[in-house]
All heavy atoms as atom14 arrays in JSON, in Angstrom:
{
  "sequence": "MNATLLRCSIIAALGGLLFGFDTAVISGTTEQLREVFGLEGVGLGF",
  "atom14_mask": [
    [1, 1, 1, 1, 1, 1, 1, 1, 0, 0, 0, 0, 0, 0],
    [1, 1, 1, 1, 1, 1, 1, 1, 0, 0, 0, 0, 0, 0],
    [1, 1, 1, 1, 1, 0, 0, 0, 0, 0, 0, 0, 0, 0],
    [1, 1, 1, 1, 1, 1, 1, 0, 0, 0, 0, 0, 0, 0],
    [1, 1, 1, 1, 1, 1, 1, 1, 0, 0, 0, 0, 0, 0],
    [1, 1, 1, 1, 1, 1, 1, 1, 0, 0, 0, 0, 0, 0],
    [1, 1, 1, 1, 1, 1, 1, 1, 1, 1, 1, 0, 0, 0],
    [1, 1, 1, 1, 1, 1, 0, 0, 0, 0, 0, 0, 0, 0],
    [1, 1, 1, 1, 1, 1, 0, 0, 0, 0, 0, 0, 0, 0],
    [1, 1, 1, 1, 1, 1, 1, 1, 0, 0, 0, 0, 0, 0],
    [1, 1, 1, 1, 1, 1, 1, 1, 0, 0, 0, 0, 0, 0],
    [1, 1, 1, 1, 1, 0, 0, 0, 0, 0, 0, 0, 0, 0],
    [1, 1, 1, 1, 1, 0, 0, 0, 0, 0, 0, 0, 0, 0],
    [1, 1, 1, 1, 1, 1, 1, 1, 0, 0, 0, 0, 0, 0],
    [1, 1, 1, 1, 0, 0, 0, 0, 0, 0, 0, 0, 0, 0],
    [1, 1, 1, 1, 0, 0, 0, 0, 0, 0, 0, 0, 0, 0],
    [1, 1, 1, 1, 1, 1, 1, 1, 0, 0, 0, 0, 0, 0],
    [1, 1, 1, 1, 1, 1, 1, 1, 0, 0, 0, 0, 0, 0],
    [1, 1, 1, 1, 1, 1, 1, 1, 1, 1, 1, 0, 0, 0],
    [1, 1, 1, 1, 0, 0, 0, 0, 0, 0, 0, 0, 0, 0],
    [1, 1, 1, 1, 1, 1, 1, 1, 1, 1, 1, 0, 0, 0],
    [1, 1, 1, 1, 1, 1, 1, 1, 0, 0, 0, 0, 0, 0],
    [1, 1, 1, 1, 1, 1, 1, 0, 0, 0, 0, 0, 0, 0],
    [1, 1, 1, 1, 1, 0, 0, 0, 0, 0, 0, 0, 0, 0],
    [1, 1, 1, 1, 1, 1, 1, 0, 0, 0, 0, 0, 0, 0],
    [1, 1, 1, 1, 1, 1, 1, 1, 0, 0, 0, 0, 0, 0],
    [1, 1, 1, 1, 1, 1, 0, 0, 0, 0, 0, 0, 0, 0],
    [1, 1, 1, 1, 0, 0, 0, 0, 0, 0, 0, 0, 0, 0],
    [1, 1, 1, 1, 1, 1, 1, 0, 0, 0, 0, 0, 0, 0],
    [1, 1, 1, 1, 1, 1, 1, 0, 0, 0, 0, 0, 0, 0],
    [1, 1, 1, 1, 1, 1, 1, 1, 1, 0, 0, 0, 0, 0],
    [1, 1, 1, 1, 1, 1, 1, 1, 1, 0, 0, 0, 0, 0],
    [1, 1, 1, 1, 1, 1, 1, 1, 0, 0, 0, 0, 0, 0],
    [1, 1, 1, 1, 1, 1, 1, 1, 1, 1, 1, 0, 0, 0],
    [1, 1, 1, 1, 1, 1, 1, 1, 1, 0, 0, 0, 0, 0],
    [1, 1, 1, 1, 1, 1, 1, 0, 0, 0, 0, 0, 0, 0],
    [1, 1, 1, 1, 1, 1, 1, 1, 1, 1, 1, 0, 0, 0],
    [1, 1, 1, 1, 0, 0, 0, 0, 0, 0, 0, 0, 0, 0],
    [1, 1, 1, 1, 1, 1, 1, 1, 0, 0, 0, 0, 0, 0],
    [1, 1, 1, 1, 1, 1, 1, 1, 1, 0, 0, 0, 0, 0],
    [1, 1, 1, 1, 0, 0, 0, 0, 0, 0, 0, 0, 0, 0],
    [1, 1, 1, 1, 1, 1, 1, 0, 0, 0, 0, 0, 0, 0],
    [1, 1, 1, 1, 0, 0, 0, 0, 0, 0, 0, 0, 0, 0],
    [1, 1, 1, 1, 1, 1, 1, 1, 0, 0, 0, 0, 0, 0],
    [1, 1, 1, 1, 0, 0, 0, 0, 0, 0, 0, 0, 0, 0],
    [1, 1, 1, 1, 1, 1, 1, 1, 1, 1, 1, 0, 0, 0]
  ],
  "atom14_positions": [
    [[29.88, -39.28, 69.54], [29.91, -40.72, 69.6], [31.36, -41.18, 69.85], [32.3, -40.59, 69.33], [29.37, -41.32, 68.31], [29.42, -42.83, 68.27], [28.71, -43.51, 66.79], [27.33, -44.35, 67.51], [0.0, 0.0, 0.0], [0.0, 0.0, 0.0], [0.0, 0.0, 0.0], [0.0, 0.0, 0.0], [0.0, 0.0, 0.0], [0.0, 0.0, 0.0]],
    [[31.52, -42.21, 70.62], [32.82, -42.76, 70.95], [33.46, -43.39, 69.7], [32.86, -44.27, 69.07], [32.63, -43.8, 72.06], [33.93, -44.32, 72.58], [34.98, -44.17, 71.97], [33.85, -44.96, 73.73], [0.0, 0.0, 0.0], [0.0, 0.0, 0.0], [0.0, 0.0, 0.0], [0.0, 0.0, 0.0], [0.0, 0.0, 0.0], [0.0, 0.0, 0.0]],
    [[34.67, -42.98, 69.35], [35.34, -43.46, 68.14], [35.64, -44.96, 68.22], [35.52, -45.67, 67.22], [36.63, -42.68, 67.91], [0.0, 0.0, 0.0], [0.0, 0.0, 0.0], [0.0, 0.0, 0.0], [0.0, 0.0, 0.0], [0.0, 0.0, 0.0], [0.0, 0.0, 0.0], [0.0, 0.0, 0.0], [0.0, 0.0, 0.0], [0.0, 0.0, 0.0]],
    [[36.01, -45.45, 69.39], [36.29, -46.87, 69.55], [35.04, -47.7, 69.32], [35.07, -48.73, 68.64], [36.87, -47.17, 70.94], [38.04, -46.37, 71.12], [37.22, -48.63, 71.1], [0.0, 0.0, 0.0], [0.0, 0.0, 0.0], [0.0, 0.0, 0.0], [0.0, 0.0, 0.0], [0.0, 0.0, 0.0], [0.0, 0.0, 0.0], [0.0, 0.0, 0.0]],
    [[33.93, -47.25, 69.86], [32.66, -47.94, 69.67], [32.27, -47.96, 68.2], [31.83, -48.99, 67.68], [31.57, -47.26, 70.49], [30.16, -47.82, 70.33], [30.1, -49.28, 70.79], [29.17, -46.98, 71.11], [0.0, 0.0, 0.0], [0.0, 0.0, 0.0], [0.0, 0.0, 0.0], [0.0, 0.0, 0.0], [0.0, 0.0, 0.0], [0.0, 0.0, 0.0]],
    [[32.48, -46.86, 67.52], [32.17, -46.79, 66.1], [33.02, -47.76, 65.29], [32.51, -48.49, 64.44], [32.35, -45.36, 65.59], [32.05, -45.14, 64.1], [30.58, -45.45, 63.81], [32.39, -43.72, 63.7], [0.0, 0.0, 0.0], [0.0, 0.0, 0.0], [0.0, 0.0, 0.0], [0.0, 0.0, 0.0], [0.0, 0.0, 0.0], [0.0, 0.0, 0.0]],
    [[34.32, -47.78, 65.56], [35.22, -48.71, 64.85], [34.83, -50.15, 65.1], [34.81, -50.97, 64.18], [36.67, -48.48, 65.26], [37.29, -47.29, 64.57], [38.77, -47.27, 64.75], [39.12, -47.46, 66.16], [39.96, -46.74, 66.84], [40.58, -45.75, 66.25], [40.22, -46.97, 68.1], [0.0, 0.0, 0.0], [0.0, 0.0, 0.0], [0.0, 0.0, 0.0]],
    [[34.55, -50.5, 66.34], [34.15, -51.88, 66.68], [32.85, -52.26, 65.97], [32.71, -53.38, 65.49], [34.01, -52.04, 68.18], [35.57, -52.0, 69.06], [0.0, 0.0, 0.0], [0.0, 0.0, 0.0], [0.0, 0.0, 0.0], [0.0, 0.0, 0.0], [0.0, 0.0, 0.0], [0.0, 0.0, 0.0], [0.0, 0.0, 0.0], [0.0, 0.0, 0.0]],
    [[31.94, -51.32, 65.92], [30.66, -51.57, 65.25], [30.86, -51.8, 63.76], [30.23, -52.68, 63.16], [29.71, -50.4, 65.47], [29.44, -50.24, 66.83], [0.0, 0.0, 0.0], [0.0, 0.0, 0.0], [0.0, 0.0, 0.0], [0.0, 0.0, 0.0], [0.0, 0.0, 0.0], [0.0, 0.0, 0.0], [0.0, 0.0, 0.0], [0.0, 0.0, 0.0]],
    [[31.73, -51.02, 63.15], [32.01, -51.17, 61.73], [32.67, -52.52, 61.46], [32.31, -53.23, 60.51], [32.87, -50.01, 61.21], [32.04, -48.73, 61.19], [33.43, -50.31, 59.82], [32.84, -47.47, 60.9], [0.0, 0.0, 0.0], [0.0, 0.0, 0.0], [0.0, 0.0, 0.0], [0.0, 0.0, 0.0], [0.0, 0.0, 0.0], [0.0, 0.0, 0.0]],
    [[33.61, -52.93, 62.29], [34.28, -54.22, 62.11], [33.29, -55.36, 62.26], [33.28, -56.3, 61.46], [35.46, -54.37, 63.09], [36.58, -53.41, 62.7], [35.96, -55.8, 63.15], [37.67, -53.27, 63.72], [0.0, 0.0, 0.0], [0.0, 0.0, 0.0], [0.0, 0.0, 0.0], [0.0, 0.0, 0.0], [0.0, 0.0, 0.0], [0.0, 0.0, 0.0]],
    [[32.42, -55.28, 63.26], [31.41, -56.33, 63.44], [30.43, -56.36, 62.26], [30.06, -57.44, 61.78], [30.64, -56.1, 64.74], [0.0, 0.0, 0.0], [0.0, 0.0, 0.0], [0.0, 0.0, 0.0], [0.0, 0.0, 0.0], [0.0, 0.0, 0.0], [0.0, 0.0, 0.0], [0.0, 0.0, 0.0], [0.0, 0.0, 0.0], [0.0, 0.0, 0.0]],
    [[30.05, -55.21, 61.78], [29.14, -55.15, 60.63], [29.79, -55.71, 59.38], [29.13, -56.4, 58.58], [28.69, -53.7, 60.39], [0.0, 0.0, 0.0], [0.0, 0.0, 0.0], [0.0, 0.0, 0.0], [0.0, 0.0, 0.0], [0.0, 0.0, 0.0], [0.0, 0.0, 0.0], [0.0, 0.0, 0.0], [0.0, 0.0, 0.0], [0.0, 0.0, 0.0]],
    [[31.07, -55.46, 59.19], [31.78, -56.01, 58.03], [31.82, -57.55, 58.09], [31.72, -58.21, 57.06], [33.19, -55.44, 57.93], [33.28, -54.02, 57.41], [34.71, -53.52, 57.48], [32.76, -53.94, 55.99], [0.0, 0.0, 0.0], [0.0, 0.0, 0.0], [0.0, 0.0, 0.0], [0.0, 0.0, 0.0], [0.0, 0.0, 0.0], [0.0, 0.0, 0.0]],
    [[31.98, -58.1, 59.29], [31.95, -59.55, 59.44], [30.62, -60.12, 58.98], [30.57, -61.11, 58.26], [0.0, 0.0, 0.0], [0.0, 0.0, 0.0], [0.0, 0.0, 0.0], [0.0, 0.0, 0.0], [0.0, 0.0, 0.0], [0.0, 0.0, 0.0], [0.0, 0.0, 0.0], [0.0, 0.0, 0.0], [0.0, 0.0, 0.0], [0.0, 0.0, 0.0]],
    [[29.53, -59.49, 59.4], [28.2, -59.93, 58.97], [28.0, -59.76, 57.48], [27.42, -60.61, 56.81], [0.0, 0.0, 0.0], [0.0, 0.0, 0.0], [0.0, 0.0, 0.0], [0.0, 0.0, 0.0], [0.0, 0.0, 0.0], [0.0, 0.0, 0.0], [0.0, 0.0, 0.0], [0.0, 0.0, 0.0], [0.0, 0.0, 0.0], [0.0, 0.0, 0.0]],
    [[28.5, -58.65, 56.95], [28.39, -58.41, 55.51], [29.14, -59.47, 54.72], [28.63, -60.01, 53.74], [28.93, -57.02, 55.17], [28.97, -56.69, 53.68], [27.56, -56.42, 53.17], [29.86, -55.48, 53.43], [0.0, 0.0, 0.0], [0.0, 0.0, 0.0], [0.0, 0.0, 0.0], [0.0, 0.0, 0.0], [0.0, 0.0, 0.0], [0.0, 0.0, 0.0]],
    [[30.36, -59.78, 55.15], [31.14, -60.8, 54.45], [30.46, -62.16, 54.47], [30.43, -62.88, 53.48], [32.54, -60.91, 55.07], [33.51, -59.81, 54.75], [34.79, -59.96, 55.56], [33.83, -59.8, 53.27], [0.0, 0.0, 0.0], [0.0, 0.0, 0.0], [0.0, 0.0, 0.0], [0.0, 0.0, 0.0], [0.0, 0.0, 0.0], [0.0, 0.0, 0.0]],
    [[29.92, -62.53, 55.63], [29.26, -63.82, 55.7], [28.0, -63.84, 54.86], [27.72, -64.82, 54.16], [28.95, -64.2, 57.15], [28.46, -65.6, 57.25], [29.33, -66.66, 57.01], [27.15, -65.87, 57.56], [28.89, -67.96, 57.09], [26.7, -67.17, 57.63], [27.57, -68.22, 57.4], [0.0, 0.0, 0.0], [0.0, 0.0, 0.0], [0.0, 0.0, 0.0]],
    [[27.22, -62.77, 54.88], [26.03, -62.69, 54.05], [26.38, -62.73, 52.57], [25.72, -63.41, 51.77], [0.0, 0.0, 0.0], [0.0, 0.0, 0.0], [0.0, 0.0, 0.0], [0.0, 0.0, 0.0], [0.0, 0.0, 0.0], [0.0, 0.0, 0.0], [0.0, 0.0, 0.0], [0.0, 0.0, 0.0], [0.0, 0.0, 0.0], [0.0, 0.0, 0.0]],
    [[27.43, -62.03, 52.19], [27.88, -62.04, 50.8], [28.32, -63.45, 50.39], [27.95, -63.94, 49.32], [29.03, -61.05, 50.62], [29.55, -61.0, 49.22], [28.8, -60.39, 48.21], [30.78, -61.54, 48.9], [29.28, -60.33, 46.91], [31.26, -61.49, 47.6], [30.52, -60.89, 46.61], [0.0, 0.0, 0.0], [0.0, 0.0, 0.0], [0.0, 0.0, 0.0]],
    [[29.07, -64.12, 51.25], [29.52, -65.48, 50.96], [28.33, -66.42, 50.8], [28.31, -67.25, 49.9], [30.43, -65.98, 52.08], [30.92, -67.39, 51.82], [31.79, -67.54, 50.94], [30.44, -68.32, 52.48], [0.0, 0.0, 0.0], [0.0, 0.0, 0.0], [0.0, 0.0, 0.0], [0.0, 0.0, 0.0], [0.0, 0.0, 0.0], [0.0, 0.0, 0.0]],
    [[27.34, -66.28, 51.66], [26.15, -67.13, 51.58], [25.41, -66.9, 50.26], [24.97, -67.85, 49.61], [25.22, -66.86, 52.77], [25.94, -67.1, 53.97], [24.0, -67.74, 52.75], [0.0, 0.0, 0.0], [0.0, 0.0, 0.0], [0.0, 0.0, 0.0], [0.0, 0.0, 0.0], [0.0, 0.0, 0.0], [0.0, 0.0, 0.0], [0.0, 0.0, 0.0]],
    [[25.28, -65.65, 49.87], [24.59, -65.34, 48.61], [25.37, -65.86, 47.42], [24.79, -66.42, 46.48], [24.4, -63.83, 48.5], [0.0, 0.0, 0.0], [0.0, 0.0, 0.0], [0.0, 0.0, 0.0], [0.0, 0.0, 0.0], [0.0, 0.0, 0.0], [0.0, 0.0, 0.0], [0.0, 0.0, 0.0], [0.0, 0.0, 0.0], [0.0, 0.0, 0.0]],
    [[26.68, -65.72, 47.44], [27.51, -66.16, 46.32], [27.46, -67.68, 46.17], [27.28, -68.2, 45.08], [28.96, -65.66, 46.47], [29.89, -66.34, 45.5], [29.0, -64.15, 46.27], [0.0, 0.0, 0.0], [0.0, 0.0, 0.0], [0.0, 0.0, 0.0], [0.0, 0.0, 0.0], [0.0, 0.0, 0.0], [0.0, 0.0, 0.0], [0.0, 0.0, 0.0]],
    [[27.63, -68.41, 47.28], [27.65, -69.87, 47.18], [26.28, -70.41, 46.76], [26.2, -71.41, 46.07], [28.14, -70.53, 48.5], [28.57, -71.97, 48.25], [27.11, -70.47, 49.58], [29.8, -72.15, 47.43], [0.0, 0.0, 0.0], [0.0, 0.0, 0.0], [0.0, 0.0, 0.0], [0.0, 0.0, 0.0], [0.0, 0.0, 0.0], [0.0, 0.0, 0.0]],
    [[25.21, -69.73, 47.15], [23.87, -70.18, 46.75], [23.68, -70.08, 45.24], [22.96, -70.87, 44.66], [22.81, -69.34, 47.46], [22.85, -69.56, 48.84], [0.0, 0.0, 0.0], [0.0, 0.0, 0.0], [0.0, 0.0, 0.0], [0.0, 0.0, 0.0], [0.0, 0.0, 0.0], [0.0, 0.0, 0.0], [0.0, 0.0, 0.0], [0.0, 0.0, 0.0]],
    [[24.35, -69.13, 44.64], [24.24, -68.97, 43.19], [25.15, -69.89, 42.39], [25.1, -69.89, 41.16], [0.0, 0.0, 0.0], [0.0, 0.0, 0.0], [0.0, 0.0, 0.0], [0.0, 0.0, 0.0], [0.0, 0.0, 0.0], [0.0, 0.0, 0.0], [0.0, 0.0, 0.0], [0.0, 0.0, 0.0], [0.0, 0.0, 0.0], [0.0, 0.0, 0.0]],
    [[25.98, -70.67, 43.06], [26.93, -71.51, 42.35], [26.66, -73.0, 42.5], [27.47, -73.82, 42.08], [28.37, -71.25, 42.84], [28.47, -71.63, 44.21], [28.77, -69.8, 42.65], [0.0, 0.0, 0.0], [0.0, 0.0, 0.0], [0.0, 0.0, 0.0], [0.0, 0.0, 0.0], [0.0, 0.0, 0.0], [0.0, 0.0, 0.0], [0.0, 0.0, 0.0]],
    [[25.51, -73.36, 43.05], [25.28, -74.78, 43.33], [25.27, -75.63, 42.07], [25.76, -76.76, 42.07], [23.98, -74.99, 44.13], [22.9, -74.35, 43.44], [24.1, -74.41, 45.53], [0.0, 0.0, 0.0], [0.0, 0.0, 0.0], [0.0, 0.0, 0.0], [0.0, 0.0, 0.0], [0.0, 0.0, 0.0], [0.0, 0.0, 0.0], [0.0, 0.0, 0.0]],
    [[24.73, -75.11, 40.98], [24.73, -75.89, 39.73], [26.15, -76.12, 39.21], [26.48, -77.22, 38.76], [23.88, -75.19, 38.66], [22.4, -75.33, 38.89], [21.95, -76.79, 38.98], [22.37, -77.61, 38.15], [21.19, -77.1, 39.92], [0.0, 0.0, 0.0], [0.0, 0.0, 0.0], [0.0, 0.0, 0.0], [0.0, 0.0, 0.0], [0.0, 0.0, 0.0]],
    [[26.99, -75.1, 39.31], [28.36, -75.24, 38.86], [29.12, -76.2, 39.78], [29.97, -76.96, 39.32], [29.08, -73.89, 38.8], [28.58, -72.99, 37.69], [27.29, -72.27, 38.04], [26.86, -72.23, 39.19], [26.64, -71.7, 37.04], [0.0, 0.0, 0.0], [0.0, 0.0, 0.0], [0.0, 0.0, 0.0], [0.0, 0.0, 0.0], [0.0, 0.0, 0.0]],
    [[28.84, -76.15, 41.09], [29.49, -77.09, 42.02], [29.11, -78.53, 41.69], [29.94, -79.43, 41.76], [29.11, -76.76, 43.47], [29.7, -75.5, 44.05], [29.06, -75.18, 45.41], [31.21, -75.62, 44.18], [0.0, 0.0, 0.0], [0.0, 0.0, 0.0], [0.0, 0.0, 0.0], [0.0, 0.0, 0.0], [0.0, 0.0, 0.0], [0.0, 0.0, 0.0]],
    [[27.86, -78.74, 41.32], [27.42, -80.08, 40.92], [28.22, -80.56, 39.71], [28.66, -81.7, 39.66], [25.93, -80.09, 40.56], [25.02, -80.0, 41.73], [23.58, -79.92, 41.23], [22.73, -79.35, 42.23], [21.75, -79.99, 42.82], [21.49, -81.23, 42.5], [21.03, -79.4, 43.74], [0.0, 0.0, 0.0], [0.0, 0.0, 0.0], [0.0, 0.0, 0.0]],
    [[28.38, -79.68, 38.73], [29.08, -80.04, 37.5], [30.58, -80.24, 37.72], [31.14, -81.25, 37.31], [28.86, -78.97, 36.43], [27.47, -78.89, 35.9], [27.29, -77.75, 34.93], [28.3, -77.29, 34.33], [26.14, -77.3, 34.76], [0.0, 0.0, 0.0], [0.0, 0.0, 0.0], [0.0, 0.0, 0.0], [0.0, 0.0, 0.0], [0.0, 0.0, 0.0]],
    [[31.22, -79.28, 38.36], [32.68, -79.31, 38.51], [33.14, -80.44, 39.42], [34.09, -81.15, 39.11], [33.2, -77.94, 39.01], [34.68, -78.0, 39.35], [32.95, -76.87, 37.97], [0.0, 0.0, 0.0], [0.0, 0.0, 0.0], [0.0, 0.0, 0.0], [0.0, 0.0, 0.0], [0.0, 0.0, 0.0], [0.0, 0.0, 0.0], [0.0, 0.0, 0.0]],
    [[32.48, -80.6, 40.57], [32.92, -81.58, 41.55], [32.06, -82.84, 41.56], [32.32, -83.76, 42.33], [32.96, -80.97, 42.96], [33.93, -79.83, 43.09], [33.51, -78.58, 43.47], [35.28, -80.01, 42.83], [34.4, -77.53, 43.61], [36.19, -78.97, 42.95], [35.74, -77.72, 43.34], [0.0, 0.0, 0.0], [0.0, 0.0, 0.0], [0.0, 0.0, 0.0]],
    [[31.03, -82.9, 40.72], [30.16, -84.06, 40.67], [29.39, -84.29, 41.97], [29.27, -85.42, 42.43], [0.0, 0.0, 0.0], [0.0, 0.0, 0.0], [0.0, 0.0, 0.0], [0.0, 0.0, 0.0], [0.0, 0.0, 0.0], [0.0, 0.0, 0.0], [0.0, 0.0, 0.0], [0.0, 0.0, 0.0], [0.0, 0.0, 0.0], [0.0, 0.0, 0.0]],
    [[28.88, -83.22, 42.54], [28.22, -83.31, 43.85], [26.73, -83.5, 43.72], [26.1, -83.02, 42.79], [28.49, -82.03, 44.65], [29.93, -81.71, 44.96], [30.03, -80.36, 45.62], [30.55, -82.78, 45.83], [0.0, 0.0, 0.0], [0.0, 0.0, 0.0], [0.0, 0.0, 0.0], [0.0, 0.0, 0.0], [0.0, 0.0, 0.0], [0.0, 0.0, 0.0]],
    [[26.17, -84.2, 44.68], [24.72, -84.36, 44.83], [24.39, -84.38, 46.3], [25.24, -84.69, 47.13], [24.25, -85.67, 44.18], [24.36, -85.72, 42.67], [23.47, -84.7, 41.97], [22.38, -84.37, 42.49], [23.88, -84.23, 40.91], [0.0, 0.0, 0.0], [0.0, 0.0, 0.0], [0.0, 0.0, 0.0], [0.0, 0.0, 0.0], [0.0, 0.0, 0.0]],
    [[23.18, -84.09, 46.65], [22.64, -84.24, 48.0], [23.54, -83.78, 49.13], [23.82, -82.59, 49.28], [0.0, 0.0, 0.0], [0.0, 0.0, 0.0], [0.0, 0.0, 0.0], [0.0, 0.0, 0.0], [0.0, 0.0, 0.0], [0.0, 0.0, 0.0], [0.0, 0.0, 0.0], [0.0, 0.0, 0.0], [0.0, 0.0, 0.0], [0.0, 0.0, 0.0]],
    [[24.0, -84.75, 49.92], [24.77, -84.44, 51.13], [26.09, -83.73, 50.8], [26.47, -82.79, 51.49], [25.03, -85.73, 51.94], [25.96, -85.46, 53.11], [23.73, -86.33, 52.42], [0.0, 0.0, 0.0], [0.0, 0.0, 0.0], [0.0, 0.0, 0.0], [0.0, 0.0, 0.0], [0.0, 0.0, 0.0], [0.0, 0.0, 0.0], [0.0, 0.0, 0.0]],
    [[26.77, -84.15, 49.76], [28.03, -83.52, 49.39], [27.85, -82.05, 49.04], [28.63, -81.2, 49.45], [0.0, 0.0, 0.0], [0.0, 0.0, 0.0], [0.0, 0.0, 0.0], [0.0, 0.0, 0.0], [0.0, 0.0, 0.0], [0.0, 0.0, 0.0], [0.0, 0.0, 0.0], [0.0, 0.0, 0.0], [0.0, 0.0, 0.0], [0.0, 0.0, 0.0]],
    [[26.8, -81.76, 48.3], [26.53, -80.36, 47.94], [26.13, -79.56, 49.17], [26.63, -78.45, 49.38], [25.42, -80.3, 46.89], [25.05, -78.92, 46.39], [26.23, -78.25, 45.7], [23.86, -79.01, 45.44], [0.0, 0.0, 0.0], [0.0, 0.0, 0.0], [0.0, 0.0, 0.0], [0.0, 0.0, 0.0], [0.0, 0.0, 0.0], [0.0, 0.0, 0.0]],
    [[25.29, -80.13, 50.01], [24.89, -79.45, 51.24], [26.06, -79.19, 52.17], [26.18, -78.11, 52.76], [0.0, 0.0, 0.0], [0.0, 0.0, 0.0], [0.0, 0.0, 0.0], [0.0, 0.0, 0.0], [0.0, 0.0, 0.0], [0.0, 0.0, 0.0], [0.0, 0.0, 0.0], [0.0, 0.0, 0.0], [0.0, 0.0, 0.0], [0.0, 0.0, 0.0]],
    [[26.95, -80.18, 52.3], [28.13, -80.01, 53.16], [29.07, -78.95, 52.59], [29.66, -78.17, 53.35], [28.85, -81.34, 53.34], [29.95, -81.28, 54.35], [29.66, -81.2, 55.7], [31.28, -81.27, 53.96], [30.67, -81.12, 56.64], [32.29, -81.2, 54.89], [31.99, -81.13, 56.24], [0.0, 0.0, 0.0], [0.0, 0.0, 0.0], [0.0, 0.0, 0.0]]
  ]
}
């Protein structure tokens, strides 16, 4: 297998992993975001 292709694939996969992790983490903090920043509706969604 081409080493450059493997490295590029790993970097692209890490980008997806980071974004998926961020999405999962922020979804679990919505109640705390409401409390700390006083957010509701559109503010929380944004």
